All heavy atoms as atom14 arrays in JSON, in Angstrom:
{
  "sequence": "TNKGNTLFASRDYEKSAEFYKEALRNDSSCTEALYNLGLTYKKIN",
  "atom14_mask": [
    [1, 1, 1, 1, 1, 1, 1, 0, 0, 0, 0, 0, 0, 0],
    [1, 1, 1, 1, 1, 1, 1, 1, 0, 0, 0, 0, 0, 0],
    [1, 1, 1, 1, 1, 1, 1, 1, 1, 0, 0, 0, 0, 0],
    [1, 1, 1, 1, 0, 0, 0, 0, 0, 0, 0, 0, 0, 0],
    [1, 1, 1, 1, 1, 1, 1, 1, 0, 0, 0, 0, 0, 0],
    [1, 1, 1, 1, 1, 1, 1, 0, 0, 0, 0, 0, 0, 0],
    [1, 1, 1, 1, 1, 1, 1, 1, 0, 0, 0, 0, 0, 0],
    [1, 1, 1, 1, 1, 1, 1, 1, 1, 1, 1, 0, 0, 0],
    [1, 1, 1, 1, 1, 0, 0, 0, 0, 0, 0, 0, 0, 0],
    [1, 1, 1, 1, 1, 1, 0, 0, 0, 0, 0, 0, 0, 0],
    [1, 1, 1, 1, 1, 1, 1, 1, 1, 1, 1, 0, 0, 0],
    [1, 1, 1, 1, 1, 1, 1, 1, 0, 0, 0, 0, 0, 0],
    [1, 1, 1, 1, 1, 1, 1, 1, 1, 1, 1, 1, 0, 0],
    [1, 1, 1, 1, 1, 1, 1, 1, 1, 0, 0, 0, 0, 0],
    [1, 1, 1, 1, 1, 1, 1, 1, 1, 0, 0, 0, 0, 0],
    [1, 1, 1, 1, 1, 1, 0, 0, 0, 0, 0, 0, 0, 0],
    [1, 1, 1, 1, 1, 0, 0, 0, 0, 0, 0, 0, 0, 0],
    [1, 1, 1, 1, 1, 1, 1, 1, 1, 0, 0, 0, 0, 0],
    [1, 1, 1, 1, 1, 1, 1, 1, 1, 1, 1, 0, 0, 0],
    [1, 1, 1, 1, 1, 1, 1, 1, 1, 1, 1, 1, 0, 0],
    [1, 1, 1, 1, 1, 1, 1, 1, 1, 0, 0, 0, 0, 0],
    [1, 1, 1, 1, 1, 1, 1, 1, 1, 0, 0, 0, 0, 0],
    [1, 1, 1, 1, 1, 0, 0, 0, 0, 0, 0, 0, 0, 0],
    [1, 1, 1, 1, 1, 1, 1, 1, 0, 0, 0, 0, 0, 0],
    [1, 1, 1, 1, 1, 1, 1, 1, 1, 1, 1, 0, 0, 0],
    [1, 1, 1, 1, 1, 1, 1, 1, 0, 0, 0, 0, 0, 0],
    [1, 1, 1, 1, 1, 1, 1, 1, 0, 0, 0, 0, 0, 0],
    [1, 1, 1, 1, 1, 1, 0, 0, 0, 0, 0, 0, 0, 0],
    [1, 1, 1, 1, 1, 1, 0, 0, 0, 0, 0, 0, 0, 0],
    [1, 1, 1, 1, 1, 1, 0, 0, 0, 0, 0, 0, 0, 0],
    [1, 1, 1, 1, 1, 1, 1, 0, 0, 0, 0, 0, 0, 0],
    [1, 1, 1, 1, 1, 1, 1, 1, 1, 0, 0, 0, 0, 0],
    [1, 1, 1, 1, 1, 0, 0, 0, 0, 0, 0, 0, 0, 0],
    [1, 1, 1, 1, 1, 1, 1, 1, 0, 0, 0, 0, 0, 0],
    [1, 1, 1, 1, 1, 1, 1, 1, 1, 1, 1, 1, 0, 0],
    [1, 1, 1, 1, 1, 1, 1, 1, 0, 0, 0, 0, 0, 0],
    [1, 1, 1, 1, 1, 1, 1, 1, 0, 0, 0, 0, 0, 0],
    [1, 1, 1, 1, 0, 0, 0, 0, 0, 0, 0, 0, 0, 0],
    [1, 1, 1, 1, 1, 1, 1, 1, 0, 0, 0, 0, 0, 0],
    [1, 1, 1, 1, 1, 1, 1, 0, 0, 0, 0, 0, 0, 0],
    [1, 1, 1, 1, 1, 1, 1, 1, 1, 1, 1, 1, 0, 0],
    [1, 1, 1, 1, 1, 1, 1, 1, 1, 0, 0, 0, 0, 0],
    [1, 1, 1, 1, 1, 1, 1, 1, 1, 0, 0, 0, 0, 0],
    [1, 1, 1, 1, 1, 1, 1, 1, 0, 0, 0, 0, 0, 0],
    [1, 1, 1, 1, 1, 1, 1, 1, 0, 0, 0, 0, 0, 0]
  ],
  "atom14_positions": [
    [[0.84, -1.2, 0.0], [0.0, 0.0, 0.0], [0.87, 1.25, 0.0], [0.61, 2.2, -0.75], [-0.95, 0.0, 1.22], [-1.76, -1.18, 1.16], [-1.85, 1.22, 1.23], [0.0, 0.0, 0.0], [0.0, 0.0, 0.0], [0.0, 0.0, 0.0], [0.0, 0.0, 0.0], [0.0, 0.0, 0.0], [0.0, 0.0, 0.0], [0.0, 0.0, 0.0]],
    [[1.93, 1.24, 0.82], [2.85, 2.39, 0.84], [3.49, 2.61, -0.51], [3.64, 3.75, -0.97], [3.95, 2.18, 1.89], [3.47, 2.48, 3.29], [2.45, 3.1, 3.49], [4.23, 2.03, 4.27], [0.0, 0.0, 0.0], [0.0, 0.0, 0.0], [0.0, 0.0, 0.0], [0.0, 0.0, 0.0], [0.0, 0.0, 0.0], [0.0, 0.0, 0.0]],
    [[3.88, 1.51, -1.16], [4.48, 1.62, -2.49], [3.47, 2.24, -3.46], [3.8, 3.13, -4.25], [4.94, 0.24, -2.98], [5.57, 0.24, -4.36], [6.85, 1.06, -4.41], [7.42, 1.11, -5.81], [8.46, 2.12, -5.95], [0.0, 0.0, 0.0], [0.0, 0.0, 0.0], [0.0, 0.0, 0.0], [0.0, 0.0, 0.0], [0.0, 0.0, 0.0]],
    [[2.23, 1.77, -3.37], [1.16, 2.35, -4.19], [0.98, 3.84, -3.91], [0.8, 4.63, -4.84], [0.0, 0.0, 0.0], [0.0, 0.0, 0.0], [0.0, 0.0, 0.0], [0.0, 0.0, 0.0], [0.0, 0.0, 0.0], [0.0, 0.0, 0.0], [0.0, 0.0, 0.0], [0.0, 0.0, 0.0], [0.0, 0.0, 0.0], [0.0, 0.0, 0.0]],
    [[1.09, 4.22, -2.63], [0.92, 5.63, -2.26], [2.01, 6.5, -2.88], [1.73, 7.62, -3.33], [0.94, 5.8, -0.74], [-0.28, 5.19, -0.07], [-1.25, 4.84, -0.72], [-0.22, 5.05, 1.24], [0.0, 0.0, 0.0], [0.0, 0.0, 0.0], [0.0, 0.0, 0.0], [0.0, 0.0, 0.0], [0.0, 0.0, 0.0], [0.0, 0.0, 0.0]],
    [[3.25, 6.0, -2.87], [4.34, 6.81, -3.43], [4.15, 6.97, -4.94], [4.41, 8.04, -5.49], [5.73, 6.2, -3.13], [5.81, 4.9, -3.7], [5.99, 6.14, -1.64], [0.0, 0.0, 0.0], [0.0, 0.0, 0.0], [0.0, 0.0, 0.0], [0.0, 0.0, 0.0], [0.0, 0.0, 0.0], [0.0, 0.0, 0.0], [0.0, 0.0, 0.0]],
    [[3.65, 5.91, -5.6], [3.38, 6.01, -7.04], [2.2, 6.93, -7.32], [2.22, 7.71, -8.28], [3.11, 4.61, -7.61], [4.33, 3.69, -7.66], [3.92, 2.23, -7.82], [5.28, 4.12, -8.78], [0.0, 0.0, 0.0], [0.0, 0.0, 0.0], [0.0, 0.0, 0.0], [0.0, 0.0, 0.0], [0.0, 0.0, 0.0], [0.0, 0.0, 0.0]],
    [[1.18, 6.87, -6.46], [0.02, 7.76, -6.59], [0.47, 9.21, -6.48], [0.06, 10.07, -7.28], [-1.02, 7.44, -5.51], [-2.3, 8.22, -5.63], [-3.38, 7.68, -6.3], [-2.43, 9.48, -5.07], [-4.59, 8.41, -6.42], [-3.61, 10.21, -5.18], [-4.69, 9.66, -5.86], [0.0, 0.0, 0.0], [0.0, 0.0, 0.0], [0.0, 0.0, 0.0]],
    [[1.33, 9.49, -5.5], [1.84, 10.86, -5.3], [2.66, 11.32, -6.49], [2.71, 12.52, -6.79], [2.66, 10.93, -4.02], [0.0, 0.0, 0.0], [0.0, 0.0, 0.0], [0.0, 0.0, 0.0], [0.0, 0.0, 0.0], [0.0, 0.0, 0.0], [0.0, 0.0, 0.0], [0.0, 0.0, 0.0], [0.0, 0.0, 0.0], [0.0, 0.0, 0.0]],
    [[3.28, 10.36, -7.2], [4.06, 10.69, -8.41], [3.18, 10.71, -9.66], [3.69, 10.78, -10.78], [5.19, 9.68, -8.61], [5.95, 9.55, -7.44], [0.0, 0.0, 0.0], [0.0, 0.0, 0.0], [0.0, 0.0, 0.0], [0.0, 0.0, 0.0], [0.0, 0.0, 0.0], [0.0, 0.0, 0.0], [0.0, 0.0, 0.0], [0.0, 0.0, 0.0]],
    [[1.88, 10.56, -9.47], [0.87, 10.57, -10.55], [0.98, 9.37, -11.49], [0.53, 9.43, -12.63], [0.95, 11.87, -11.36], [0.59, 13.1, -10.55], [0.45, 14.31, -11.44], [-0.08, 15.44, -10.72], [0.66, 16.34, -10.06], [1.97, 16.2, -10.06], [0.1, 17.35, -9.42], [0.0, 0.0, 0.0], [0.0, 0.0, 0.0], [0.0, 0.0, 0.0]],
    [[1.59, 8.29, -11.0], [1.64, 7.06, -11.8], [0.47, 6.18, -11.34], [0.64, 5.19, -10.62], [2.98, 6.35, -11.6], [3.2, 5.23, -12.61], [2.22, 4.83, -13.26], [4.35, 4.76, -12.73], [0.0, 0.0, 0.0], [0.0, 0.0, 0.0], [0.0, 0.0, 0.0], [0.0, 0.0, 0.0], [0.0, 0.0, 0.0], [0.0, 0.0, 0.0]],
    [[-0.74, 6.56, -11.76], [-1.96, 5.98, -11.2], [-2.16, 4.52, -11.58], [-2.57, 3.71, -10.76], [-3.18, 6.82, -11.61], [-3.06, 8.26, -11.17], [-3.08, 9.29, -12.1], [-2.89, 8.59, -9.83], [-2.96, 10.62, -11.7], [-2.77, 9.91, -9.41], [-2.81, 10.92, -10.36], [-2.67, 12.21, -9.95], [0.0, 0.0, 0.0], [0.0, 0.0, 0.0]],
    [[-1.84, 4.16, -12.83], [-2.03, 2.77, -13.27], [-1.17, 1.82, -12.43], [-1.61, 0.77, -11.99], [-1.7, 2.62, -14.76], [-2.61, 3.39, -15.7], [-4.03, 2.84, -15.77], [-4.27, 1.7, -15.31], [-4.91, 3.56, -16.27], [0.0, 0.0, 0.0], [0.0, 0.0, 0.0], [0.0, 0.0, 0.0], [0.0, 0.0, 0.0], [0.0, 0.0, 0.0]],
    [[0.09, 2.23, -12.22], [1.01, 1.38, -11.47], [0.61, 1.32, -9.99], [0.71, 0.28, -9.36], [2.43, 1.91, -11.6], [3.47, 0.82, -11.76], [4.82, 1.43, -12.1], [5.75, 0.35, -12.6], [6.98, 0.9, -13.12], [0.0, 0.0, 0.0], [0.0, 0.0, 0.0], [0.0, 0.0, 0.0], [0.0, 0.0, 0.0], [0.0, 0.0, 0.0]],
    [[0.16, 2.45, -9.45], [-0.25, 2.46, -8.04], [-1.44, 1.52, -7.84], [-1.51, 0.79, -6.85], [-0.57, 3.87, -7.55], [-1.76, 4.36, -8.11], [0.0, 0.0, 0.0], [0.0, 0.0, 0.0], [0.0, 0.0, 0.0], [0.0, 0.0, 0.0], [0.0, 0.0, 0.0], [0.0, 0.0, 0.0], [0.0, 0.0, 0.0], [0.0, 0.0, 0.0]],
    [[-2.36, 1.5, -8.81], [-3.53, 0.6, -8.72], [-3.08, -0.85, -8.65], [-3.66, -1.66, -7.91], [-4.45, 0.81, -9.92], [0.0, 0.0, 0.0], [0.0, 0.0, 0.0], [0.0, 0.0, 0.0], [0.0, 0.0, 0.0], [0.0, 0.0, 0.0], [0.0, 0.0, 0.0], [0.0, 0.0, 0.0], [0.0, 0.0, 0.0], [0.0, 0.0, 0.0]],
    [[-2.01, -1.2, -9.4], [-1.5, -2.57, -9.37], [-1.01, -2.97, -7.97], [-1.26, -4.07, -7.5], [-0.35, -2.74, -10.39], [-0.81, -2.73, -11.84], [-1.94, -3.73, -12.13], [-1.82, -4.89, -11.69], [-2.94, -3.32, -12.75], [0.0, 0.0, 0.0], [0.0, 0.0, 0.0], [0.0, 0.0, 0.0], [0.0, 0.0, 0.0], [0.0, 0.0, 0.0]],
    [[-0.33, -2.04, -7.3], [0.16, -2.33, -5.94], [-0.99, -2.46, -4.95], [-0.97, -3.32, -4.07], [1.19, -1.29, -5.49], [2.57, -1.58, -6.01], [3.03, -1.0, -7.18], [3.4, -2.47, -5.35], [4.3, -1.28, -7.68], [4.67, -2.77, -5.83], [5.12, -2.18, -7.01], [0.0, 0.0, 0.0], [0.0, 0.0, 0.0], [0.0, 0.0, 0.0]],
    [[-2.0, -1.59, -5.09], [-3.16, -1.7, -4.19], [-3.88, -3.04, -4.39], [-4.28, -3.69, -3.44], [-4.14, -0.55, -4.41], [-3.58, 0.82, -4.11], [-3.85, 1.91, -4.93], [-2.77, 1.04, -2.99], [-3.35, 3.17, -4.65], [-2.25, 2.3, -2.71], [-2.55, 3.36, -3.54], [-2.05, 4.61, -3.26], [0.0, 0.0, 0.0], [0.0, 0.0, 0.0]],
    [[-3.99, -3.45, -5.67], [-4.67, -4.72, -5.96], [-3.87, -5.9, -5.41], [-4.44, -6.85, -4.89], [-4.9, -4.88, -7.47], [-6.04, -4.01, -7.99], [-6.44, -4.37, -9.4], [-5.66, -3.54, -10.38], [-6.13, -3.63, -11.76], [0.0, 0.0, 0.0], [0.0, 0.0, 0.0], [0.0, 0.0, 0.0], [0.0, 0.0, 0.0], [0.0, 0.0, 0.0]],
    [[-2.54, -5.79, -5.5], [-1.7, -6.87, -4.96], [-1.83, -6.93, -3.43], [-1.9, -8.01, -2.84], [-0.23, -6.67, -5.36], [0.61, -7.9, -5.04], [2.06, -7.78, -5.5], [2.37, -6.94, -6.37], [2.89, -8.54, -4.96], [0.0, 0.0, 0.0], [0.0, 0.0, 0.0], [0.0, 0.0, 0.0], [0.0, 0.0, 0.0], [0.0, 0.0, 0.0]],
    [[-1.9, -5.76, -2.8], [-2.09, -5.72, -1.34], [-3.41, -6.4, -0.97], [-3.48, -7.17, 0.0], [-2.08, -4.28, -0.84], [0.0, 0.0, 0.0], [0.0, 0.0, 0.0], [0.0, 0.0, 0.0], [0.0, 0.0, 0.0], [0.0, 0.0, 0.0], [0.0, 0.0, 0.0], [0.0, 0.0, 0.0], [0.0, 0.0, 0.0], [0.0, 0.0, 0.0]],
    [[-4.43, -6.16, -1.77], [-5.75, -6.77, -1.51], [-5.75, -8.27, -1.77], [-6.46, -9.02, -1.1], [-6.83, -6.08, -2.34], [-7.2, -4.67, -1.86], [-7.95, -3.9, -2.93], [-8.0, -4.75, -0.57], [0.0, 0.0, 0.0], [0.0, 0.0, 0.0], [0.0, 0.0, 0.0], [0.0, 0.0, 0.0], [0.0, 0.0, 0.0], [0.0, 0.0, 0.0]],
    [[-4.94, -8.72, -2.74], [-4.84, -10.17, -2.99], [-4.19, -10.86, -1.78], [-4.54, -11.98, -1.44], [-4.03, -10.44, -4.26], [-4.84, -10.28, -5.53], [-4.12, -10.85, -6.75], [-2.91, -10.13, -7.09], [-2.87, -9.05, -7.88], [-3.98, -8.57, -8.4], [-1.73, -8.46, -8.15], [0.0, 0.0, 0.0], [0.0, 0.0, 0.0], [0.0, 0.0, 0.0]],
    [[-3.25, -10.16, -1.14], [-2.57, -10.73, 0.03], [-3.4, -10.61, 1.3], [-3.25, -11.42, 2.21], [-1.21, -10.06, 0.24], [-0.24, -10.4, -0.87], [-0.3, -11.48, -1.45], [0.66, -9.48, -1.18], [0.0, 0.0, 0.0], [0.0, 0.0, 0.0], [0.0, 0.0, 0.0], [0.0, 0.0, 0.0], [0.0, 0.0, 0.0], [0.0, 0.0, 0.0]],
    [[-4.24, -9.58, 1.37], [-5.1, -9.39, 2.55], [-6.36, -8.65, 2.1], [-6.35, -7.43, 1.94], [-4.36, -8.59, 3.63], [-5.23, -8.33, 4.85], [-6.37, -8.85, 4.9], [-4.78, -7.6, 5.75], [0.0, 0.0, 0.0], [0.0, 0.0, 0.0], [0.0, 0.0, 0.0], [0.0, 0.0, 0.0], [0.0, 0.0, 0.0], [0.0, 0.0, 0.0]],
    [[-7.44, -9.41, 1.89], [-8.67, -8.81, 1.35], [-9.31, -7.82, 2.3], [-10.19, -7.05, 1.91], [-9.66, -9.92, 0.99], [-9.96, -10.67, 2.15], [0.0, 0.0, 0.0], [0.0, 0.0, 0.0], [0.0, 0.0, 0.0], [0.0, 0.0, 0.0], [0.0, 0.0, 0.0], [0.0, 0.0, 0.0], [0.0, 0.0, 0.0], [0.0, 0.0, 0.0]],
    [[-8.87, -7.81, 3.58], [-9.46, -6.86, 4.54], [-8.59, -5.61, 4.72], [-8.79, -4.85, 5.67], [-9.66, -7.55, 5.89], [-8.41, -7.9, 6.44], [0.0, 0.0, 0.0], [0.0, 0.0, 0.0], [0.0, 0.0, 0.0], [0.0, 0.0, 0.0], [0.0, 0.0, 0.0], [0.0, 0.0, 0.0], [0.0, 0.0, 0.0], [0.0, 0.0, 0.0]],
    [[-7.66, -5.38, 3.81], [-6.78, -4.2, 3.91], [-7.56, -2.97, 3.42], [-7.59, -2.67, 2.23], [-5.51, -4.41, 3.08], [-4.35, -3.03, 3.24], [0.0, 0.0, 0.0], [0.0, 0.0, 0.0], [0.0, 0.0, 0.0], [0.0, 0.0, 0.0], [0.0, 0.0, 0.0], [0.0, 0.0, 0.0], [0.0, 0.0, 0.0], [0.0, 0.0, 0.0]],
    [[-8.2, -2.3, 4.37], [-9.1, -1.2, 4.01], [-8.36, -0.01, 3.39], [-8.91, 0.67, 2.53], [-9.91, -0.73, 5.24], [-9.0, -0.43, 6.3], [-10.9, -1.78, 5.69], [0.0, 0.0, 0.0], [0.0, 0.0, 0.0], [0.0, 0.0, 0.0], [0.0, 0.0, 0.0], [0.0, 0.0, 0.0], [0.0, 0.0, 0.0], [0.0, 0.0, 0.0]],
    [[-7.11, 0.22, 3.81], [-6.35, 1.34, 3.24], [-6.13, 1.13, 1.74], [-6.29, 2.05, 0.95], [-4.98, 1.51, 3.93], [-5.06, 1.94, 5.37], [-5.16, 0.76, 6.34], [-5.35, -0.39, 5.88], [-5.05, 0.99, 7.55], [0.0, 0.0, 0.0], [0.0, 0.0, 0.0], [0.0, 0.0, 0.0], [0.0, 0.0, 0.0], [0.0, 0.0, 0.0]],
    [[-5.77, -0.1, 1.38], [-5.53, -0.39, -0.04], [-6.82, -0.24, -0.84], [-6.81, 0.32, -1.94], [-4.96, -1.8, -0.2], [0.0, 0.0, 0.0], [0.0, 0.0, 0.0], [0.0, 0.0, 0.0], [0.0, 0.0, 0.0], [0.0, 0.0, 0.0], [0.0, 0.0, 0.0], [0.0, 0.0, 0.0], [0.0, 0.0, 0.0], [0.0, 0.0, 0.0]],
    [[-7.93, -0.71, -0.28], [-9.21, -0.63, -0.98], [-9.64, 0.82, -1.15], [-10.1, 1.23, -2.23], [-10.28, -1.44, -0.22], [-11.62, -1.64, -0.9], [-11.47, -2.24, -2.29], [-12.51, -2.54, -0.03], [0.0, 0.0, 0.0], [0.0, 0.0, 0.0], [0.0, 0.0, 0.0], [0.0, 0.0, 0.0], [0.0, 0.0, 0.0], [0.0, 0.0, 0.0]],
    [[-9.48, 1.63, -0.1], [-9.83, 3.06, -0.16], [-8.98, 3.76, -1.21], [-9.49, 4.49, -2.07], [-9.63, 3.7, 1.21], [-10.13, 5.12, 1.29], [-11.44, 5.4, 1.64], [-9.29, 6.2, 1.0], [-11.91, 6.71, 1.72], [-9.75, 7.51, 1.06], [-11.06, 7.76, 1.43], [-11.52, 9.06, 1.49], [0.0, 0.0, 0.0], [0.0, 0.0, 0.0]],
    [[-7.66, 3.51, -1.16], [-6.75, 4.17, -2.1], [-6.96, 3.69, -3.53], [-6.79, 4.47, -4.47], [-5.3, 3.97, -1.66], [-5.0, 4.71, -0.36], [-5.82, 5.47, 0.13], [-3.84, 4.47, 0.2], [0.0, 0.0, 0.0], [0.0, 0.0, 0.0], [0.0, 0.0, 0.0], [0.0, 0.0, 0.0], [0.0, 0.0, 0.0], [0.0, 0.0, 0.0]],
    [[-7.34, 2.42, -3.69], [-7.67, 1.93, -5.04], [-8.89, 2.67, -5.58], [-8.92, 3.07, -6.75], [-7.92, 0.42, -5.0], [-8.24, -0.26, -6.33], [-7.08, -0.09, -7.33], [-8.55, -1.74, -6.14], [0.0, 0.0, 0.0], [0.0, 0.0, 0.0], [0.0, 0.0, 0.0], [0.0, 0.0, 0.0], [0.0, 0.0, 0.0], [0.0, 0.0, 0.0]],
    [[-9.88, 2.89, -4.71], [-11.06, 3.67, -5.11], [-10.68, 5.08, -5.53], [-11.16, 5.58, -6.56], [0.0, 0.0, 0.0], [0.0, 0.0, 0.0], [0.0, 0.0, 0.0], [0.0, 0.0, 0.0], [0.0, 0.0, 0.0], [0.0, 0.0, 0.0], [0.0, 0.0, 0.0], [0.0, 0.0, 0.0], [0.0, 0.0, 0.0], [0.0, 0.0, 0.0]],
    [[-9.8, 5.72, -4.76], [-9.34, 7.08, -5.12], [-8.59, 7.08, -6.45], [-8.72, 8.0, -7.24], [-8.43, 7.64, -4.02], [-9.08, 8.04, -2.7], [-8.02, 8.59, -1.75], [-10.19, 9.05, -2.9], [0.0, 0.0, 0.0], [0.0, 0.0, 0.0], [0.0, 0.0, 0.0], [0.0, 0.0, 0.0], [0.0, 0.0, 0.0], [0.0, 0.0, 0.0]],
    [[-7.8, 6.01, -6.65], [-7.02, 5.92, -7.9], [-7.96, 5.79, -9.09], [-7.8, 6.5, -10.1], [-6.06, 4.71, -7.85], [-5.26, 4.81, -6.68], [-5.16, 4.67, -9.06], [0.0, 0.0, 0.0], [0.0, 0.0, 0.0], [0.0, 0.0, 0.0], [0.0, 0.0, 0.0], [0.0, 0.0, 0.0], [0.0, 0.0, 0.0], [0.0, 0.0, 0.0]],
    [[-8.95, 4.91, -8.98], [-9.92, 4.76, -10.07], [-10.67, 6.06, -10.31], [-10.95, 6.43, -11.46], [-10.92, 3.63, -9.75], [-10.37, 2.23, -9.94], [-10.75, 1.2, -9.1], [-9.47, 1.94, -10.97], [-10.27, -0.09, -9.27], [-8.98, 0.65, -11.14], [-9.38, -0.36, -10.29], [-8.91, -1.63, -10.48], [0.0, 0.0, 0.0], [0.0, 0.0, 0.0]],
    [[-10.99, 6.76, -9.24], [-11.69, 8.05, -9.37], [-10.81, 9.04, -10.14], [-11.29, 9.77, -11.01], [-12.03, 8.58, -7.98], [-12.83, 9.86, -7.96], [-13.16, 10.23, -6.51], [-13.78, 11.59, -6.41], [-13.97, 11.99, -5.0], [0.0, 0.0, 0.0], [0.0, 0.0, 0.0], [0.0, 0.0, 0.0], [0.0, 0.0, 0.0], [0.0, 0.0, 0.0]],
    [[-9.51, 9.04, -9.82], [-8.56, 9.96, -10.43], [-8.44, 9.71, -11.94], [-8.29, 10.65, -12.72], [-7.2, 9.79, -9.76], [-6.28, 10.93, -9.96], [-6.6, 12.04, -8.99], [-5.57, 13.13, -9.06], [-6.03, 14.37, -8.44], [0.0, 0.0, 0.0], [0.0, 0.0, 0.0], [0.0, 0.0, 0.0], [0.0, 0.0, 0.0], [0.0, 0.0, 0.0]],
    [[-8.48, 8.41, -12.34], [-8.32, 8.09, -13.77], [-9.68, 7.91, -14.45], [-9.78, 7.36, -15.53], [-7.4, 6.87, -13.99], [-7.91, 5.63, -13.25], [-5.98, 7.19, -13.61], [-7.05, 4.39, -13.46], [0.0, 0.0, 0.0], [0.0, 0.0, 0.0], [0.0, 0.0, 0.0], [0.0, 0.0, 0.0], [0.0, 0.0, 0.0], [0.0, 0.0, 0.0]],
    [[-10.72, 8.38, -13.78], [-12.07, 8.45, -14.35], [-12.69, 7.09, -14.64], [-13.49, 6.95, -15.55], [-12.05, 9.32, -15.61], [-13.31, 10.15, -15.72], [-13.97, 10.42, -14.71], [-13.67, 10.52, -16.93], [0.0, 0.0, 0.0], [0.0, 0.0, 0.0], [0.0, 0.0, 0.0], [0.0, 0.0, 0.0], [0.0, 0.0, 0.0], [0.0, 0.0, 0.0]]
  ]
}
């Protein structure tokens, strides 16, 4: 999730989404990754 956050901050939204999805594959209850994935999808419309 942190890796995804650093990519999100660098505006690399597609790549950040991949890290959030991987975090969710490892722990489906990771609410931070799910929230940030939602924000990423919102950002890329």
